[in-house]
Structures are given as structure tokens and as C-alpha cells.
Amino acid sequence: MATVRTSGNSAVMTEESPAAAELQRRMRQAARRRRWKANIPLMLLFIPGLLYYVLFKYVPMGGLIIAFKDYNFFDGVLDSPWVGTQNFETIFKQPQPLNIIRNTIVLSLLNVIVGFPFPILLAILLNEVRRTWYKRWIQTIVYLPHFFSWVIIGGFIFTLFATESGTINQLLKGWLAEPFPFLFNPGSWIAIYVGSGIWKEMGFSAIIYLAALTSIDPSLYESASLDGANKLQQIRHVTLPGISTTIVLLFILAMGRVMEVGFDHVYVLQNAVVSNVADVISTYMYRVGLQGAQFSLTTAMGLFESIVGLILVLSANALARRFDRGLW
């Protein structure tokens, strides 16, 4: 292979020998082997996570075929009769599944729209606290609810909002003629549902934003302060732009979970009186699929849920790419 080297005004043509080319090839191979050996511990750590997703996420996708069949235990997944899109037609022709889909979308969008800003706000407030002991104390308090199960939190909620013996109704006894049914009124039930979800996950979700805040250069705050910016202006022009990439990333992931209203949260709080707003896809799958053994119908509902989630993720990422903040 010919190469040209220049020195001053002259150019010297040199011919690279086959031996030199072979040496470079061997050096590249040796470097690749060294990189591979250095990464073996990381590969071994990666294997359990890979196996988890393969066994519990990708392999079960093969069972989606029963959404297009009239599944029964006797014939099994492969031999059950093929019905095509009949299960999907059943979902979209009956009023109950449509109402369940509507409830799922409404509750999920409320969780995203109302709940998404709270971890950001909490992280910014914690970042402004200068006393370390006080900051750690507050962090412990707001992180703790994340580790409670929804059964425990449901007990707290029933203790607070019960109609006859609830703490809130006892406090309002002097102002209300009769106790208010917080858990049996659709409007107040939705407010309690959204509020309890924010309270439980707000602190733990703020950890990612706190980590992102540590990457902001402190000199930017000093420069803004010298320019006369107050705290709110520093947050607006320094803090929020500094964590905007993290905000967009988590927003895209949140949009992918719009159709996934948690089963535990809804199931613990719901009752027959508010079933017209509290019955969602996850509880429908449990009641109709597991208890009613209509596996094909609920699989079709789950497949529809997943497709909508995929479309929302792609749409949110396409919107973010317009502002150069796309995930891919």
C-alpha cells in the first residue's frame, strides 16, 4: 500500500511492506482480545439480566397467538381452533371493554400529566437545601412510601377516608351535615387514586433527577448569580435546561406505560360503587381471564394494550426528536 509523507515543499513516496501490514493486523487482533478479556466480568454480570428478559419477556410473546384462537386447556396453544380477529371484534363491540379501555387511558393520563412534574419539583427543592442533615432526613421520609406495598397503603387510605370512622370525616364533622363518601364518589375516588400514587412514588422517582442535577456545572449558577438572576430564574435558565434530557427520556418511558395501570393500586382501592371509573384493563384481565377462564379474550386485550403503548412510545420519541432530545 502506497503512502505519501510531505516535508517542506517535497513529497516522499513510501511503500508499506507486507510484513508491516501483517504486524498491524496482529496488533489489532491482540487489542480486540485484550478488550474482550477485560470485559468478561461485565459480560458475566450481564448474562442474568439477558436471561431474565429472554425467558420472561420474549419467550412468552409466543403465547400471543391465543389472541387469535378459541383457547382451551384440552387442545393447548397450538391445537385450539383458530378464530382470527373474533376476540378483538368482541372487545370493540361490547360496551364494557370499551368503558374499561377508557378508564385505563383516563387514569393513566392523569398519572402522567398530574404526577410527572412532582418528582422534578421535589428534586429541585432538595437540591436547593444546604443543610445536609435536614436534606437526608427529608429524603428518608419521602423515599419510604415506595417500599410499602399497596395493601399497607390501602389500609392507610381506608383509615383516613372511611365514611363513618375515617379521620378526615371525623375532622369535618363540624362542617358537614353528614359524612362524605370519599371512596364511593367517582370524583373523589379518582383524586385519591392519583394522589396516593404521587405520594408513594414521588420520592423514589426523584432520585434520577437528583443524580442528573449533580452533573450541572456549579459555575453556571455562579455566573447567573453575578448576572443578577434570582433562585427562580436560575432554576428556569440553568437547572431545567441541565436536566432536560433526563426529563424527556423519562417522559418517553412514561408514555409507554400509559396503558399499564397497576393492578395492585386499583384493586386495593376499587369497590362496586365506583366500578364505572375504577375498572381497568388489569382488573378486567384478572376477573375475566383468571377467574372466568376467558384466556383468549383477555390476551387480545393485552395485545391491544401493548400495541397502543408501542405507538405512544414511538410518537413521544418522534416529538422529542423535533427538539433534538430523542431517545433514538
Protein backbone atom coordinates (compact mmCIF):
# COMPACT_ATOMS: atom_id res chain seq x y z
CA MET A 1 0.00 0.00 0.00
CA ALA A 2 1.48 3.34 -1.02
CA THR A 3 1.53 6.30 1.37
CA VAL A 4 2.67 9.89 0.91
CA ARG A 5 4.58 11.88 3.51
CA THR A 6 5.30 15.57 2.99
CA SER A 7 8.27 17.51 4.40
CA GLY A 8 8.53 21.15 3.48
CA ASN A 9 7.96 21.53 -0.24
CA SER A 10 8.85 17.96 -1.11
CA ALA A 11 6.75 14.82 -1.13
CA VAL A 12 8.24 11.38 -0.44
CA MET A 13 6.51 8.24 -1.65
CA THR A 14 6.99 5.21 0.61
CA GLU A 15 5.83 1.66 0.10
CA GLU A 16 4.40 -0.14 3.17
CA SER A 17 5.80 -3.63 3.26
CA PRO A 18 3.56 -6.73 3.59
CA ALA A 19 5.32 -7.53 6.85
CA ALA A 20 4.30 -4.15 8.35
CA ALA A 21 0.67 -4.66 7.27
CA GLU A 22 0.65 -8.13 8.84
CA LEU A 23 2.10 -6.68 12.07
CA GLN A 24 -0.63 -4.05 12.23
CA ARG A 25 -3.30 -6.71 11.70
CA ARG A 26 -1.93 -8.83 14.51
CA MET A 27 -1.74 -5.80 16.80
CA ARG A 28 -5.41 -5.03 16.13
CA GLN A 29 -6.37 -8.64 16.86
CA ALA A 30 -4.37 -8.59 20.08
CA ALA A 31 -6.08 -5.35 21.13
CA ARG A 32 -9.50 -6.88 20.48
CA ARG A 33 -8.60 -9.95 22.54
CA ARG A 34 -7.41 -7.75 25.41
CA ARG A 35 -10.67 -5.77 25.32
CA TRP A 36 -12.68 -8.99 25.27
CA LYS A 37 -10.79 -10.43 28.25
CA ALA A 38 -11.13 -7.16 30.16
CA ASN A 39 -14.91 -7.17 29.58
CA ILE A 40 -15.51 -10.81 30.56
CA PRO A 41 -16.59 -9.88 34.15
CA LEU A 42 -19.06 -7.36 32.74
CA MET A 43 -20.40 -9.94 30.30
CA LEU A 44 -20.93 -12.41 33.14
CA LEU A 45 -22.85 -9.76 35.09
CA PHE A 46 -24.96 -9.06 32.00
CA ILE A 47 -25.98 -12.72 31.47
CA PRO A 48 -28.61 -12.93 34.30
CA GLY A 49 -30.38 -9.80 33.05
CA LEU A 50 -30.28 -11.11 29.49
CA LEU A 51 -31.73 -14.47 30.57
CA TYR A 52 -34.48 -12.71 32.54
CA TYR A 53 -35.66 -10.73 29.52
CA VAL A 54 -35.36 -13.70 27.14
CA LEU A 55 -37.23 -16.14 29.41
CA PHE A 56 -39.85 -13.85 30.91
CA LYS A 57 -40.32 -11.15 28.24
CA TYR A 58 -39.54 -12.55 24.78
CA VAL A 59 -40.37 -16.27 25.07
CA PRO A 60 -43.92 -15.58 26.45
CA MET A 61 -44.62 -13.48 23.34
CA GLY A 62 -45.26 -16.77 21.56
CA GLY A 63 -48.40 -17.16 23.68
CA LEU A 64 -49.93 -14.12 22.00
CA ILE A 65 -51.17 -16.49 19.31
CA ILE A 66 -54.10 -17.46 21.55
CA ALA A 67 -55.49 -13.94 21.00
CA PHE A 68 -56.46 -15.27 17.55
CA LYS A 69 -57.74 -18.64 18.83
CA ASP A 70 -60.52 -20.05 21.00
CA TYR A 71 -58.07 -21.38 23.56
CA ASN A 72 -58.85 -24.31 25.83
CA PHE A 73 -56.69 -26.47 28.07
CA PHE A 74 -57.56 -29.71 26.28
CA ASP A 75 -56.34 -28.65 22.82
CA GLY A 76 -53.49 -26.46 24.08
CA VAL A 77 -51.96 -23.38 22.48
CA LEU A 78 -51.16 -24.88 19.08
CA ASP A 79 -54.25 -27.06 18.51
CA SER A 80 -57.00 -24.76 19.76
CA PRO A 81 -59.37 -23.66 16.97
CA TRP A 82 -58.40 -20.55 15.00
CA VAL A 83 -60.96 -17.71 15.18
CA GLY A 84 -58.99 -14.87 13.61
CA THR A 85 -59.97 -11.43 14.85
CA GLN A 86 -63.16 -12.57 16.56
CA ASN A 87 -61.80 -11.80 20.05
CA PHE A 88 -60.88 -8.26 19.01
CA GLU A 89 -64.34 -7.77 17.48
CA THR A 90 -65.87 -8.89 20.78
CA ILE A 91 -63.79 -6.32 22.68
CA PHE A 92 -64.74 -3.40 20.46
CA LYS A 93 -68.40 -4.31 20.02
CA GLN A 94 -69.29 -4.71 23.69
CA PRO A 95 -69.73 -1.59 25.84
CA GLN A 96 -67.97 -2.94 28.95
CA PRO A 97 -64.50 -3.49 27.40
CA LEU A 98 -64.69 -0.07 25.74
CA ASN A 99 -65.50 1.53 29.08
CA ILE A 100 -62.57 -0.34 30.65
CA ILE A 101 -60.20 0.93 27.96
CA ARG A 102 -61.49 4.47 28.51
CA ASN A 103 -60.94 4.17 32.28
CA THR A 104 -57.41 2.89 31.75
CA ILE A 105 -56.49 5.75 29.42
CA VAL A 106 -58.04 8.41 31.67
CA LEU A 107 -56.36 7.19 34.87
CA SER A 108 -53.01 6.70 33.14
CA LEU A 109 -53.05 10.14 31.53
CA LEU A 110 -53.94 11.70 34.88
CA ASN A 111 -50.99 9.88 36.45
CA VAL A 112 -48.65 11.19 33.74
CA ILE A 113 -50.00 14.75 33.44
CA VAL A 114 -50.55 15.39 37.15
CA GLY A 115 -47.89 13.13 38.66
CA PHE A 116 -44.95 13.56 36.27
CA PRO A 117 -43.89 17.08 37.41
CA PHE A 118 -43.85 16.24 41.15
CA PRO A 119 -40.57 14.26 41.23
CA ILE A 120 -38.90 17.04 39.23
CA LEU A 121 -40.17 19.68 41.65
CA LEU A 122 -39.11 17.60 44.67
CA ALA A 123 -35.62 17.02 43.24
CA ILE A 124 -35.15 20.74 42.58
CA LEU A 125 -36.32 21.63 46.10
CA LEU A 126 -34.00 19.04 47.67
CA ASN A 127 -31.13 20.30 45.53
CA GLU A 128 -31.59 23.77 46.99
CA VAL A 129 -31.37 22.54 50.61
CA ARG A 130 -27.96 23.39 52.03
CA ARG A 131 -28.13 21.66 55.43
CA THR A 132 -27.05 18.07 54.78
CA TRP A 133 -28.71 16.54 57.86
CA TYR A 134 -32.05 18.14 57.01
CA LYS A 135 -31.80 17.07 53.35
CA ARG A 136 -31.11 13.44 54.32
CA TRP A 137 -33.96 13.47 56.82
CA ILE A 138 -36.43 14.71 54.19
CA GLN A 139 -35.13 12.22 51.61
CA THR A 140 -35.67 9.32 54.01
CA ILE A 141 -39.25 10.40 54.68
CA VAL A 142 -40.19 10.83 51.01
CA TYR A 143 -38.40 7.63 49.87
CA LEU A 144 -40.06 5.42 52.50
CA PRO A 145 -43.58 5.10 50.92
CA HIS A 146 -42.08 3.46 47.82
CA PHE A 147 -41.19 0.40 49.89
CA PHE A 148 -44.72 -0.05 51.29
CA SER A 149 -46.99 -2.49 49.48
CA TRP A 150 -50.30 -1.21 48.15
CA VAL A 151 -52.08 -3.37 50.72
CA ILE A 152 -50.48 -1.36 53.52
CA ILE A 153 -51.13 1.95 51.78
CA GLY A 154 -54.72 0.85 51.12
CA GLY A 155 -55.10 0.38 54.87
CA PHE A 156 -53.83 3.92 55.45
CA ILE A 157 -56.26 5.29 52.88
CA PHE A 158 -59.26 3.45 54.35
CA THR A 159 -58.30 4.70 57.82
CA LEU A 160 -58.19 8.29 56.55
CA PHE A 161 -61.18 8.34 54.17
CA ALA A 162 -63.66 5.82 55.56
CA THR A 163 -67.20 7.22 55.57
CA GLU A 164 -68.13 6.63 59.23
CA SER A 165 -64.86 6.20 61.11
CA GLY A 166 -62.36 7.89 58.79
CA THR A 167 -60.05 10.53 60.22
CA ILE A 168 -60.96 13.10 57.57
CA ASN A 169 -64.69 12.73 58.14
CA GLN A 170 -64.16 12.98 61.90
CA LEU A 171 -62.33 16.28 61.39
CA LEU A 172 -65.05 17.56 59.03
CA LYS A 173 -67.92 16.52 61.29
CA GLY A 174 -68.46 20.08 62.49
CA TRP A 175 -68.69 21.48 58.93
CA LEU A 176 -70.62 18.72 57.13
CA ALA A 177 -74.17 17.68 57.91
CA GLU A 178 -73.31 14.06 57.14
CA PRO A 179 -70.08 12.15 56.35
CA PHE A 180 -68.81 12.45 52.80
CA PRO A 181 -68.27 9.11 50.97
CA PHE A 182 -64.77 9.82 49.65
CA LEU A 183 -64.17 6.25 48.49
CA PHE A 184 -67.66 5.83 47.00
CA ASN A 185 -67.80 9.03 44.96
CA PRO A 186 -66.24 8.74 41.47
CA GLY A 187 -64.65 12.20 41.52
CA SER A 188 -63.09 11.89 44.96
CA TRP A 189 -62.04 8.27 44.26
CA ILE A 190 -60.07 9.39 41.20
CA ALA A 191 -58.45 12.20 43.22
CA ILE A 192 -57.46 9.73 45.99
CA TYR A 193 -56.15 7.26 43.40
CA VAL A 194 -53.95 9.83 41.65
CA GLY A 195 -52.85 11.48 44.91
CA SER A 196 -51.86 8.21 46.57
CA GLY A 197 -49.83 7.20 43.52
CA ILE A 198 -47.95 10.51 43.58
CA TRP A 199 -47.33 10.24 47.33
CA LYS A 200 -45.97 6.69 47.04
CA GLU A 201 -43.62 7.13 44.07
CA MET A 202 -42.69 10.82 44.11
CA GLY A 203 -39.66 10.47 46.39
CA PHE A 204 -38.17 7.40 44.76
CA SER A 205 -38.68 8.82 41.25
CA ALA A 206 -36.82 11.99 42.27
CA ILE A 207 -33.56 10.01 42.71
CA ILE A 208 -32.88 10.03 38.96
CA TYR A 209 -33.39 13.78 38.75
CA LEU A 210 -31.15 14.35 41.79
CA ALA A 211 -28.43 12.36 40.03
CA ALA A 212 -28.91 14.45 36.88
CA LEU A 213 -28.66 17.67 38.91
CA THR A 214 -25.18 16.70 40.13
CA SER A 215 -23.92 16.86 36.53
CA ILE A 216 -24.71 20.58 36.19
CA ASP A 217 -21.60 22.76 36.40
CA PRO A 218 -21.79 24.90 39.60
CA SER A 219 -20.05 27.74 37.75
CA LEU A 220 -23.24 28.21 35.72
CA TYR A 221 -25.11 29.13 38.92
CA GLU A 222 -22.31 31.49 39.93
CA SER A 223 -22.42 33.20 36.54
CA ALA A 224 -26.21 33.51 36.69
CA SER A 225 -25.98 34.94 40.22
CA LEU A 226 -23.41 37.52 39.10
CA ASP A 227 -25.76 38.49 36.28
CA GLY A 228 -28.47 39.22 38.86
CA ALA A 229 -30.59 36.06 38.46
CA ASN A 230 -32.63 35.09 41.50
CA LYS A 231 -33.34 31.49 42.53
CA LEU A 232 -36.40 31.08 40.30
CA GLN A 233 -34.53 32.47 37.30
CA GLN A 234 -31.58 30.14 37.99
CA ILE A 235 -33.95 27.17 38.12
CA ARG A 236 -35.61 28.24 34.89
CA HIS A 237 -32.47 29.04 32.88
CA VAL A 238 -29.87 26.70 34.40
CA THR A 239 -31.45 23.81 36.31
CA LEU A 240 -34.29 22.83 33.97
CA PRO A 241 -32.17 23.01 30.77
CA GLY A 242 -29.48 20.98 32.55
CA ILE A 243 -31.84 18.06 33.25
CA SER A 244 -34.00 18.41 30.15
CA THR A 245 -32.50 15.29 28.52
CA THR A 246 -33.39 13.21 31.60
CA ILE A 247 -36.89 14.69 31.70
CA VAL A 248 -37.52 13.82 28.04
CA LEU A 249 -36.15 10.29 28.50
CA LEU A 250 -38.38 9.55 31.49
CA PHE A 251 -41.37 11.15 29.76
CA ILE A 252 -40.94 8.83 26.78
CA LEU A 253 -40.76 5.82 29.10
CA ALA A 254 -43.83 7.07 31.00
CA MET A 255 -45.81 7.33 27.76
CA GLY A 256 -45.02 3.68 27.09
CA ARG A 257 -46.76 2.79 30.36
CA VAL A 258 -49.90 4.82 29.70
CA MET A 259 -51.96 1.68 29.14
CA GLU A 260 -50.42 -0.14 32.13
CA VAL A 261 -52.41 0.95 35.17
CA GLY A 262 -51.00 -1.04 38.07
CA PHE A 263 -53.22 -3.91 39.22
CA ASP A 264 -52.44 -3.66 42.95
CA HIS A 265 -53.16 0.06 43.19
CA VAL A 266 -56.57 -0.12 41.55
CA TYR A 267 -57.63 -3.46 43.02
CA VAL A 268 -56.97 -2.38 46.61
CA LEU A 269 -58.96 0.85 46.29
CA GLN A 270 -61.82 -0.11 43.96
CA ASN A 271 -65.33 -1.09 45.01
CA ALA A 272 -68.59 -1.87 43.23
CA VAL A 273 -69.95 1.68 43.61
CA VAL A 274 -67.12 3.28 41.59
CA SER A 275 -66.56 0.38 39.18
CA ASN A 276 -67.67 2.60 36.28
CA VAL A 277 -64.43 4.61 36.70
CA ALA A 278 -62.23 2.12 38.62
CA ASP A 279 -62.45 -0.96 36.39
CA VAL A 280 -59.32 -1.01 34.19
CA ILE A 281 -57.60 -3.46 31.85
CA SER A 282 -55.50 -5.13 34.57
CA THR A 283 -58.50 -5.82 36.82
CA TYR A 284 -60.55 -6.92 33.78
CA MET A 285 -57.84 -9.45 32.88
CA TYR A 286 -57.82 -10.79 36.42
CA ARG A 287 -61.61 -11.07 36.66
CA VAL A 288 -62.40 -12.32 33.15
CA GLY A 289 -59.15 -14.08 32.29
CA LEU A 290 -58.08 -15.79 35.52
CA GLN A 291 -61.41 -16.07 37.33
CA GLY A 292 -63.59 -16.51 34.23
CA ALA A 293 -61.04 -18.58 32.24
CA GLN A 294 -61.56 -16.50 29.06
CA PHE A 295 -57.87 -16.52 28.22
CA SER A 296 -58.16 -15.69 24.53
CA LEU A 297 -60.31 -12.61 25.12
CA THR A 298 -58.00 -11.15 27.77
CA THR A 299 -54.90 -11.97 25.69
CA ALA A 300 -56.43 -9.96 22.86
CA MET A 301 -56.98 -7.10 25.30
CA GLY A 302 -53.37 -7.36 26.47
CA LEU A 303 -52.07 -7.35 22.89
CA PHE A 304 -54.12 -4.25 22.14
CA GLU A 305 -52.69 -2.62 25.28
CA SER A 306 -49.12 -3.39 24.20
CA ILE A 307 -49.64 -2.07 20.66
CA VAL A 308 -51.07 1.20 21.95
CA GLY A 309 -48.11 1.52 24.36
CA LEU A 310 -45.66 0.96 21.48
CA ILE A 311 -47.39 3.60 19.35
CA LEU A 312 -47.26 6.11 22.21
CA VAL A 313 -43.55 5.48 22.80
CA LEU A 314 -42.74 5.95 19.11
CA SER A 315 -44.90 9.09 18.94
CA ALA A 316 -43.32 10.61 22.05
CA ASN A 317 -39.83 9.89 20.73
CA ALA A 318 -40.71 11.37 17.32
CA LEU A 319 -41.93 14.52 19.07
CA ALA A 320 -38.76 14.68 21.19
CA ARG A 321 -36.55 14.32 18.10
CA ARG A 322 -38.01 17.55 16.75
CA PHE A 323 -36.24 19.25 19.68
CA ASP A 324 -33.05 17.11 19.36
CA ARG A 325 -33.94 15.19 22.54
CA GLY A 326 -34.96 11.83 21.07
CA LEU A 327 -34.10 8.57 22.79
CA TRP A 328 -33.07 7.03 19.44
